[in-house]
Amino acid sequence: MTRPASLSASAPSAVSPDHASGPAGAPIGFAEFVALVAALMSLAALGIDSMLPALPAMGAALGVATENQRQFIITAFVLGFGIAQLVHGPLADRYGRRTVLLFAIGGYAIANVACAVSASFTLLLAARVFGGAMVAATRVATVAMVRDCYHGRAMARVMSIAFMVFMIVPVLAPAFGQTVLLFADWRGIFWVIGGISMGMWAWLYLRMPETLHADAQQPLSVARILSGWRQTLGDRWSLGYTLASTSLMGALYGYLNSVQQIMFDTFGKPRLLAVMFALTAMLMAAANLTNARLVMRLGTRLISHSALTLLVVLSALHLSLALAGFETLVGFVVLQALTMGCFGLATSNFSSMAMENMGAIAGTASSVQGFTSVTFGAVIGVVIGQAFDGSTAPLAAGFLICGVVALAIVAVTERGRLFHPV
């Protein structure tokens, strides 16, 4: 595979994101770099998706009163994941991406052991928050690592390919959880994830050099951190596309909170949960492969704005069918998979555009953007998940509302100039 062309970069660019040049490339082979990025990002997804088939067993074992309360096993992890990004970012800018990742992945393995031995629902939730906080580094430091190596459309291409590989996890994770339950109880899932985490630690330690140059390290001070926050939130592209991503992430977390109950209770097909995830992930993977092939020619704006518009249309159709009583299992799976494909196209490009002018403070910027999109997205997702009433209408409505809000934010960010390639 040809390495994306890129040039040197340091200070924020004043040119359009789609045409800005960037750093010299990854310090290891392109294919291995993308695989490592995808694998690091997958640790968080594994901590969410593999839990879904086991939620009823966890609730029964730990005395959870209601089905909707089981959703907090997901929410606790996501909240820890979101909030801790504010800490990992400045640390990654000061001590390097590799150092922070090694420390955090080790902590994530310990957190999974704590989950495996939890004797109460409260202790499980506390361990889940800690696990989410540790694995948050794989979002912050990994995005910063990609930004260290690639820029502009080249970064969008790398992220798209990484997301395509990353989509293997949602395909396999529910089936992985169900497989573990055939041989052990739900605690076995956490033991295996802990082992996988240590394998990832070894891969990173043995193969990946530090991508943050010594002369680019930022001092770890309150003044510097606050300055980085102001720069991140003061940049139009960074703020606008972070807020748009936040709205879409709210819909995603609403889906993760609701999908187990929809498949188990609404449609009475618990064994098809893994199939649902596989079809959804396949559409998202195909979307990101398409993006990787086209983004260098068409640009991030044209692709992401078109995908977001289609997401709104599909969500409106889905909600109409649900409210009219015409919802079927096949219709739900098809429409939700197409919607998630649009979600993947939009968010992978949004993250690249949000990071465009943040090269000098990539770790801090990634942490602020990640904190905002994940934490507030998780709150929105709780609202959507807790609205579950036995039908798919709350989820479809959540995607429609979040999509419309995201489209409005993008329109304001771009001053009304949507779909333009430059």
Protein backbone atom coordinates (compact mmCIF):
# COMPACT_ATOMS: atom_id res chain seq x y z
CA MET A 1 0.00 0.00 0.00
CA THR A 2 1.37 3.41 -0.93
CA ARG A 3 2.11 5.68 1.98
CA PRO A 4 0.08 8.93 1.85
CA ALA A 5 2.15 11.84 0.67
CA SER A 6 2.87 14.43 3.36
CA LEU A 7 5.29 17.22 4.19
CA SER A 8 6.56 18.72 7.40
CA ALA A 9 4.30 20.59 9.80
CA SER A 10 4.48 22.14 13.22
CA ALA A 11 2.51 25.31 13.81
CA PRO A 12 -1.21 25.52 13.10
CA SER A 13 -1.97 25.92 9.43
CA ALA A 14 -3.84 28.85 7.97
CA VAL A 15 -4.91 27.00 4.86
CA SER A 16 -7.89 24.81 4.20
CA PRO A 17 -7.81 21.48 6.06
CA ASP A 18 -8.29 19.49 2.91
CA HIS A 19 -5.14 20.84 1.32
CA ALA A 20 -2.82 21.33 4.27
CA SER A 21 0.43 19.42 4.24
CA GLY A 22 1.71 17.39 7.18
CA PRO A 23 4.49 15.41 8.85
CA ALA A 24 6.70 12.81 7.24
CA GLY A 25 4.79 9.61 8.05
CA ALA A 26 4.77 6.75 10.55
CA PRO A 27 8.03 5.42 12.08
CA ILE A 28 6.98 1.83 11.32
CA GLY A 29 5.45 0.31 8.18
CA PHE A 30 2.18 1.89 7.07
CA ALA A 31 0.19 -1.34 7.29
CA GLU A 32 1.46 -2.17 10.78
CA PHE A 33 0.91 1.41 11.93
CA VAL A 34 -2.73 1.36 10.80
CA ALA A 35 -3.24 -2.07 12.36
CA LEU A 36 -1.75 -0.88 15.66
CA VAL A 37 -3.90 2.27 15.68
CA ALA A 38 -7.01 0.20 14.98
CA ALA A 39 -6.12 -2.34 17.66
CA LEU A 40 -5.50 0.35 20.28
CA MET A 41 -8.81 2.00 19.50
CA SER A 42 -10.52 -1.39 19.61
CA LEU A 43 -9.71 -1.96 23.29
CA ALA A 44 -12.40 0.52 24.31
CA ALA A 45 -14.95 -0.93 21.89
CA LEU A 46 -14.20 -4.42 23.20
CA GLY A 47 -14.93 -3.18 26.70
CA ILE A 48 -18.41 -2.11 25.57
CA ASP A 49 -19.63 -4.45 22.85
CA SER A 50 -18.58 -7.73 24.42
CA MET A 51 -20.62 -6.87 27.51
CA LEU A 52 -23.96 -6.73 25.71
CA PRO A 53 -24.80 -10.46 25.61
CA ALA A 54 -23.80 -10.77 29.29
CA LEU A 55 -25.86 -7.88 30.68
CA PRO A 56 -28.78 -10.10 31.77
CA ALA A 57 -26.40 -12.52 33.52
CA MET A 58 -24.57 -9.68 35.26
CA GLY A 59 -27.84 -8.15 36.41
CA ALA A 60 -29.09 -11.48 37.76
CA ALA A 61 -25.82 -12.28 39.55
CA LEU A 62 -25.48 -8.86 41.18
CA GLY A 63 -29.12 -8.24 42.05
CA VAL A 64 -29.90 -5.42 39.60
CA ALA A 65 -33.55 -4.45 40.10
CA THR A 66 -34.62 -3.35 36.61
CA GLU A 67 -33.48 -4.02 33.06
CA ASN A 68 -32.83 -0.34 32.31
CA GLN A 69 -30.43 -0.22 35.29
CA ARG A 70 -28.20 -2.74 33.52
CA GLN A 71 -27.42 0.02 31.03
CA PHE A 72 -25.25 1.67 33.69
CA ILE A 73 -22.65 -1.08 33.15
CA ILE A 74 -22.11 0.56 29.74
CA THR A 75 -22.63 4.15 30.90
CA ALA A 76 -20.13 3.90 33.78
CA PHE A 77 -17.41 2.77 31.39
CA VAL A 78 -18.21 5.51 28.87
CA LEU A 79 -18.23 8.28 31.50
CA GLY A 80 -14.82 7.22 32.79
CA PHE A 81 -13.62 7.05 29.20
CA GLY A 82 -14.81 10.58 28.49
CA ILE A 83 -13.73 12.45 31.59
CA ALA A 84 -10.24 10.96 31.86
CA GLN A 85 -9.29 12.21 28.41
CA LEU A 86 -8.70 15.65 29.93
CA VAL A 87 -5.88 14.09 31.96
CA HIS A 88 -4.33 11.89 29.28
CA GLY A 89 -3.98 14.69 26.73
CA PRO A 90 -1.60 16.99 28.64
CA LEU A 91 0.35 13.94 29.84
CA ALA A 92 0.74 12.76 26.23
CA ASP A 93 2.03 16.21 25.20
CA ARG A 94 4.52 16.22 28.07
CA TYR A 95 5.75 12.63 28.38
CA GLY A 96 4.95 11.26 24.92
CA ARG A 97 2.24 9.14 23.35
CA ARG A 98 4.01 5.80 23.91
CA THR A 99 4.67 6.32 27.63
CA VAL A 100 1.07 7.29 28.39
CA LEU A 101 -0.30 4.40 26.35
CA LEU A 102 1.88 1.81 28.08
CA PHE A 103 0.88 3.03 31.53
CA ALA A 104 -2.81 3.22 30.66
CA ILE A 105 -3.08 -0.16 28.94
CA GLY A 106 -1.51 -1.79 31.99
CA GLY A 107 -4.08 -0.01 34.16
CA TYR A 108 -6.86 -1.22 31.88
CA ALA A 109 -5.77 -4.83 32.37
CA ILE A 110 -5.90 -4.32 36.15
CA ALA A 111 -9.37 -2.76 35.87
CA ASN A 112 -10.69 -5.82 34.04
CA VAL A 113 -9.33 -8.08 36.77
CA ALA A 114 -11.17 -5.89 39.31
CA CYS A 115 -14.39 -6.28 37.30
CA ALA A 116 -13.91 -10.04 37.18
CA VAL A 117 -13.72 -10.34 40.98
CA SER A 118 -16.40 -7.75 41.84
CA ALA A 119 -18.87 -9.02 44.43
CA SER A 120 -21.47 -6.24 44.08
CA PHE A 121 -23.01 -4.06 41.41
CA THR A 122 -21.49 -0.95 43.02
CA LEU A 123 -17.97 -2.39 42.92
CA LEU A 124 -18.48 -3.49 39.32
CA LEU A 125 -19.53 0.02 38.30
CA ALA A 126 -16.54 1.54 40.12
CA ALA A 127 -14.17 -0.84 38.33
CA ARG A 128 -15.88 -0.03 35.03
CA VAL A 129 -15.34 3.71 35.58
CA PHE A 130 -11.66 3.06 36.32
CA GLY A 131 -11.33 0.84 33.24
CA GLY A 132 -12.91 3.47 31.04
CA ALA A 133 -10.59 6.10 32.51
CA MET A 134 -7.53 4.00 31.75
CA VAL A 135 -8.48 2.99 28.21
CA ALA A 136 -9.32 6.61 27.40
CA ALA A 137 -5.63 7.04 26.62
CA THR A 138 -6.07 4.81 23.58
CA ARG A 139 -8.35 7.46 22.09
CA VAL A 140 -6.36 10.56 23.05
CA ALA A 141 -2.77 9.42 22.59
CA THR A 142 -3.59 7.37 19.48
CA VAL A 143 -5.25 10.27 17.66
CA ALA A 144 -2.32 12.48 18.68
CA MET A 145 0.08 9.81 17.40
CA VAL A 146 -1.69 9.76 14.03
CA ARG A 147 -1.61 13.56 13.94
CA ASP A 148 2.14 13.44 14.66
CA CYS A 149 2.60 11.33 11.53
CA TYR A 150 -0.09 12.49 9.07
CA HIS A 151 -2.05 15.61 8.23
CA GLY A 152 -5.13 16.83 6.35
CA ARG A 153 -6.65 14.42 3.85
CA ALA A 154 -3.82 11.97 4.52
CA MET A 155 -4.82 11.84 8.19
CA ALA A 156 -8.45 11.31 7.19
CA ARG A 157 -7.34 8.43 4.98
CA VAL A 158 -5.35 6.81 7.77
CA MET A 159 -8.23 7.19 10.21
CA SER A 160 -10.67 5.73 7.70
CA ILE A 161 -8.53 2.65 7.11
CA ALA A 162 -8.01 2.28 10.87
CA PHE A 163 -11.76 2.55 11.46
CA MET A 164 -12.33 -0.08 8.79
CA VAL A 165 -10.04 -2.52 10.61
CA PHE A 166 -11.49 -1.38 13.94
CA MET A 167 -14.96 -2.43 12.76
CA ILE A 168 -13.90 -6.06 13.10
CA VAL A 169 -14.34 -5.65 16.87
CA PRO A 170 -18.09 -4.86 16.81
CA VAL A 171 -18.48 -7.82 14.46
CA LEU A 172 -16.69 -10.22 16.80
CA ALA A 173 -17.25 -8.75 20.28
CA PRO A 174 -20.87 -9.84 20.90
CA ALA A 175 -20.08 -13.29 19.51
CA PHE A 176 -16.96 -13.31 21.69
CA GLY A 177 -19.08 -12.52 24.74
CA GLN A 178 -21.59 -15.22 23.86
CA THR A 179 -18.79 -17.74 23.28
CA VAL A 180 -17.21 -17.05 26.66
CA LEU A 181 -20.61 -17.55 28.29
CA LEU A 182 -20.71 -21.07 26.85
CA PHE A 183 -17.61 -22.04 28.85
CA ALA A 184 -17.63 -19.67 31.82
CA ASP A 185 -19.81 -17.09 33.52
CA TRP A 186 -19.75 -13.39 32.70
CA ARG A 187 -16.60 -12.87 34.76
CA GLY A 188 -14.65 -14.81 32.17
CA ILE A 189 -15.19 -12.00 29.65
CA PHE A 190 -13.22 -9.61 31.84
CA TRP A 191 -10.41 -12.12 32.37
CA VAL A 192 -9.98 -12.55 28.62
CA ILE A 193 -10.07 -8.79 27.94
CA GLY A 194 -7.37 -8.35 30.58
CA GLY A 195 -5.21 -10.89 28.73
CA ILE A 196 -5.81 -9.18 25.38
CA SER A 197 -4.80 -5.87 26.94
CA MET A 198 -1.46 -7.26 28.02
CA GLY A 199 -0.89 -8.60 24.51
CA MET A 200 -1.50 -5.09 23.16
CA TRP A 201 0.92 -3.69 25.77
CA ALA A 202 3.64 -6.02 24.50
CA TRP A 203 3.02 -5.12 20.84
CA LEU A 204 3.24 -1.40 21.58
CA TYR A 205 6.33 -1.82 23.77
CA LEU A 206 8.24 -3.93 21.26
CA ARG A 207 7.31 -2.26 17.96
CA MET A 208 6.21 1.38 18.29
CA PRO A 209 8.75 4.17 18.88
CA GLU A 210 7.75 7.52 20.32
CA THR A 211 6.24 9.89 17.72
CA LEU A 212 6.49 13.07 19.81
CA HIS A 213 9.88 14.68 19.27
CA ALA A 214 11.71 15.86 22.38
CA ASP A 215 11.71 19.48 21.19
CA ALA A 216 7.91 19.34 20.75
CA GLN A 217 7.17 18.31 24.34
CA GLN A 218 4.93 20.75 26.17
CA PRO A 219 5.43 21.77 29.81
CA LEU A 220 2.99 20.25 32.29
CA SER A 221 1.55 23.36 33.92
CA VAL A 222 -1.90 24.72 34.64
CA ALA A 223 -1.24 27.80 32.50
CA ARG A 224 -0.12 25.71 29.52
CA ILE A 225 -3.06 23.32 29.83
CA LEU A 226 -5.57 26.17 30.05
CA SER A 227 -3.92 27.82 27.07
CA GLY A 228 -4.27 24.59 25.10
CA TRP A 229 -7.93 24.32 26.06
CA ARG A 230 -8.55 27.89 24.93
CA GLN A 231 -6.78 27.25 21.63
CA THR A 232 -8.77 24.08 21.04
CA LEU A 233 -12.14 25.64 21.87
CA GLY A 234 -11.28 28.92 20.17
CA ASP A 235 -10.59 27.38 16.76
CA ARG A 236 -13.72 27.41 14.58
CA TRP A 237 -13.11 24.04 12.93
CA SER A 238 -12.05 22.36 16.17
CA LEU A 239 -15.05 23.57 18.16
CA GLY A 240 -17.63 23.17 15.40
CA TYR A 241 -16.73 19.66 14.35
CA THR A 242 -16.22 18.56 17.96
CA LEU A 243 -19.76 19.69 18.82
CA ALA A 244 -21.16 18.00 15.71
CA SER A 245 -19.34 14.79 16.69
CA THR A 246 -20.74 15.12 20.22
CA SER A 247 -24.29 15.11 18.92
CA LEU A 248 -23.66 12.06 16.74
CA MET A 249 -21.87 10.24 19.57
CA GLY A 250 -25.00 10.77 21.67
CA ALA A 251 -26.95 8.80 19.08
CA LEU A 252 -24.27 6.07 19.03
CA TYR A 253 -24.34 5.63 22.81
CA GLY A 254 -28.13 5.62 22.74
CA TYR A 255 -27.84 2.72 20.28
CA LEU A 256 -25.36 0.85 22.49
CA ASN A 257 -27.59 1.36 25.53
CA SER A 258 -30.74 0.22 23.73
CA VAL A 259 -29.78 -2.45 21.21
CA GLN A 260 -29.56 -5.38 23.64
CA GLN A 261 -33.10 -4.72 24.92
CA ILE A 262 -34.40 -4.13 21.39
CA MET A 263 -33.08 -7.48 20.16
CA PHE A 264 -33.99 -9.39 23.34
CA ASP A 265 -37.31 -7.78 24.28
CA THR A 266 -38.76 -5.95 21.28
CA PHE A 267 -38.04 -8.62 18.68
CA GLY A 268 -37.45 -11.63 20.96
CA LYS A 269 -34.30 -12.64 19.03
CA PRO A 270 -31.40 -12.62 21.52
CA ARG A 271 -29.26 -14.91 19.38
CA LEU A 272 -29.38 -12.38 16.52
CA LEU A 273 -27.66 -9.64 18.54
CA ALA A 274 -24.26 -10.69 17.18
CA VAL A 275 -25.67 -10.78 13.64
CA MET A 276 -27.08 -7.28 14.11
CA PHE A 277 -23.67 -6.01 15.18
CA ALA A 278 -21.97 -7.80 12.31
CA LEU A 279 -24.20 -6.26 9.66
CA THR A 280 -23.90 -2.80 11.19
CA ALA A 281 -20.12 -3.08 11.46
CA MET A 282 -19.83 -4.36 7.88
CA LEU A 283 -21.66 -1.26 6.60
CA MET A 284 -19.44 1.01 8.70
CA ALA A 285 -16.32 -0.80 7.46
CA ALA A 286 -17.46 -0.48 3.85
CA ALA A 287 -18.18 3.21 4.40
CA ASN A 288 -14.71 3.82 5.80
CA LEU A 289 -13.07 1.86 2.99
CA THR A 290 -14.96 4.03 0.52
CA ASN A 291 -13.88 7.13 2.40
CA ALA A 292 -10.23 6.04 2.38
CA ARG A 293 -10.39 5.61 -1.39
CA LEU A 294 -12.23 8.84 -2.17
CA VAL A 295 -11.24 11.37 0.48
CA MET A 296 -7.96 12.36 -1.20
CA ARG A 297 -9.91 13.28 -4.33
CA LEU A 298 -13.28 14.54 -3.05
CA GLY A 299 -12.25 16.00 0.30
CA THR A 300 -13.50 15.57 3.86
CA ARG A 301 -16.28 18.15 3.65
CA LEU A 302 -18.14 16.86 0.62
CA ILE A 303 -18.11 13.28 1.92
CA SER A 304 -18.97 13.99 5.56
CA HIS A 305 -21.68 16.57 4.86
CA SER A 306 -23.36 14.25 2.36
CA ALA A 307 -23.20 11.33 4.82
CA LEU A 308 -24.70 13.44 7.61
CA THR A 309 -27.56 14.57 5.39
CA LEU A 310 -28.32 10.98 4.41
CA LEU A 311 -28.22 9.97 8.10
CA VAL A 312 -30.97 12.50 8.83
CA VAL A 313 -33.10 11.22 5.94
CA LEU A 314 -32.71 7.57 6.99
CA SER A 315 -33.51 8.39 10.63
CA ALA A 316 -36.65 10.27 9.62
CA LEU A 317 -37.78 7.28 7.54
CA HIS A 318 -36.99 4.90 10.40
CA LEU A 319 -38.95 6.97 12.93
CA SER A 320 -41.93 7.22 10.57
CA LEU A 321 -42.08 3.44 10.15
CA ALA A 322 -41.72 2.85 13.90
CA LEU A 323 -44.50 5.31 14.81
CA ALA A 324 -46.79 3.94 12.10
CA GLY A 325 -46.39 0.41 13.47
CA PHE A 326 -44.63 -0.93 10.37
CA GLU A 327 -41.34 -1.75 12.10
CA THR A 328 -39.99 -5.24 11.45
CA LEU A 329 -36.77 -6.94 12.47
CA VAL A 330 -35.47 -6.87 8.90
CA GLY A 331 -36.41 -3.22 8.48
CA PHE A 332 -34.74 -2.29 11.76
CA VAL A 333 -31.51 -4.09 10.92
CA VAL A 334 -31.29 -2.65 7.39
CA LEU A 335 -32.13 0.95 8.31
CA GLN A 336 -29.94 0.93 11.42
CA ALA A 337 -27.01 -0.54 9.51
CA LEU A 338 -27.30 2.09 6.77
CA THR A 339 -27.58 4.83 9.39
CA MET A 340 -24.45 3.59 11.16
CA GLY A 341 -22.62 3.52 7.84
CA CYS A 342 -23.40 7.21 7.44
CA PHE A 343 -22.32 7.77 11.03
CA GLY A 344 -18.92 6.22 10.28
CA LEU A 345 -18.40 8.34 7.17
CA ALA A 346 -19.26 11.54 8.99
CA THR A 347 -17.39 11.06 12.26
CA SER A 348 -14.11 9.75 10.82
CA ASN A 349 -13.84 12.93 8.73
CA PHE A 350 -15.10 15.20 11.51
CA SER A 351 -12.28 14.05 13.80
CA SER A 352 -9.67 14.84 11.15
CA MET A 353 -11.09 18.30 10.47
CA ALA A 354 -11.34 19.06 14.18
CA MET A 355 -7.63 18.22 14.62
CA GLU A 356 -6.44 20.13 11.57
CA ASN A 357 -5.00 23.23 13.27
CA MET A 358 -4.05 21.41 16.47
CA GLY A 359 -0.69 19.93 15.45
CA ALA A 360 1.34 21.82 18.06
CA ILE A 361 -0.93 20.66 20.92
CA ALA A 362 -2.26 17.42 19.46
CA GLY A 363 -2.49 15.55 22.77
CA THR A 364 -4.28 18.33 24.66
CA ALA A 365 -6.56 19.10 21.72
CA SER A 366 -7.46 15.45 21.28
CA SER A 367 -8.24 15.20 24.99
CA VAL A 368 -10.55 18.23 24.99
CA GLN A 369 -12.30 17.07 21.84
CA GLY A 370 -12.60 13.52 23.14
CA PHE A 371 -13.82 14.63 26.56
CA THR A 372 -16.50 16.78 24.99
CA SER A 373 -17.74 14.28 22.42
CA VAL A 374 -17.62 11.19 24.65
CA THR A 375 -18.78 12.64 27.99
CA PHE A 376 -21.64 14.77 26.72
CA GLY A 377 -22.41 12.17 24.08
CA ALA A 378 -22.72 9.61 26.88
CA VAL A 379 -25.19 11.86 28.71
CA ILE A 380 -27.29 12.17 25.56
CA GLY A 381 -27.03 8.41 25.13
CA VAL A 382 -28.36 7.85 28.67
CA VAL A 383 -31.41 9.96 27.86
CA ILE A 384 -32.05 7.96 24.68
CA GLY A 385 -31.42 4.62 26.40
CA GLN A 386 -33.61 5.37 29.41
CA ALA A 387 -36.43 6.37 27.04
CA PHE A 388 -36.66 2.76 25.83
CA ASP A 389 -40.33 1.78 25.99
CA GLY A 390 -40.32 -1.59 24.29
CA SER A 391 -40.22 -0.13 20.77
CA THR A 392 -37.55 1.21 18.42
CA ALA A 393 -39.14 4.68 18.22
CA PRO A 394 -37.00 6.34 20.97
CA LEU A 395 -33.78 5.18 19.29
CA ALA A 396 -34.91 6.34 15.83
CA ALA A 397 -36.02 9.68 17.28
CA GLY A 398 -32.65 10.03 19.03
CA PHE A 399 -30.75 9.54 15.78
CA LEU A 400 -33.01 12.01 13.96
CA ILE A 401 -32.68 14.74 16.59
CA CYS A 402 -28.92 14.26 17.00
CA GLY A 403 -28.44 14.24 13.22
CA VAL A 404 -30.40 17.46 12.73
CA VAL A 405 -28.48 19.17 15.54
CA ALA A 406 -25.15 18.04 14.08
CA LEU A 407 -26.13 19.27 10.61
CA ALA A 408 -27.11 22.67 12.03
CA ILE A 409 -23.77 22.94 13.87
CA VAL A 410 -21.84 22.05 10.71
CA ALA A 411 -23.82 24.66 8.73
CA VAL A 412 -22.91 27.35 11.27
CA THR A 413 -19.27 26.22 11.36
CA GLU A 414 -19.02 26.39 7.56
CA ARG A 415 -21.04 29.63 7.38
CA GLY A 416 -23.66 27.88 5.30
CA ARG A 417 -21.23 26.47 2.69
CA LEU A 418 -22.03 22.77 2.87
CA PHE A 419 -20.85 20.00 0.52
CA HIS A 420 -17.98 22.00 -0.99
CA PRO A 421 -14.85 19.94 -1.77
CA VAL A 422 -12.36 22.58 -0.63
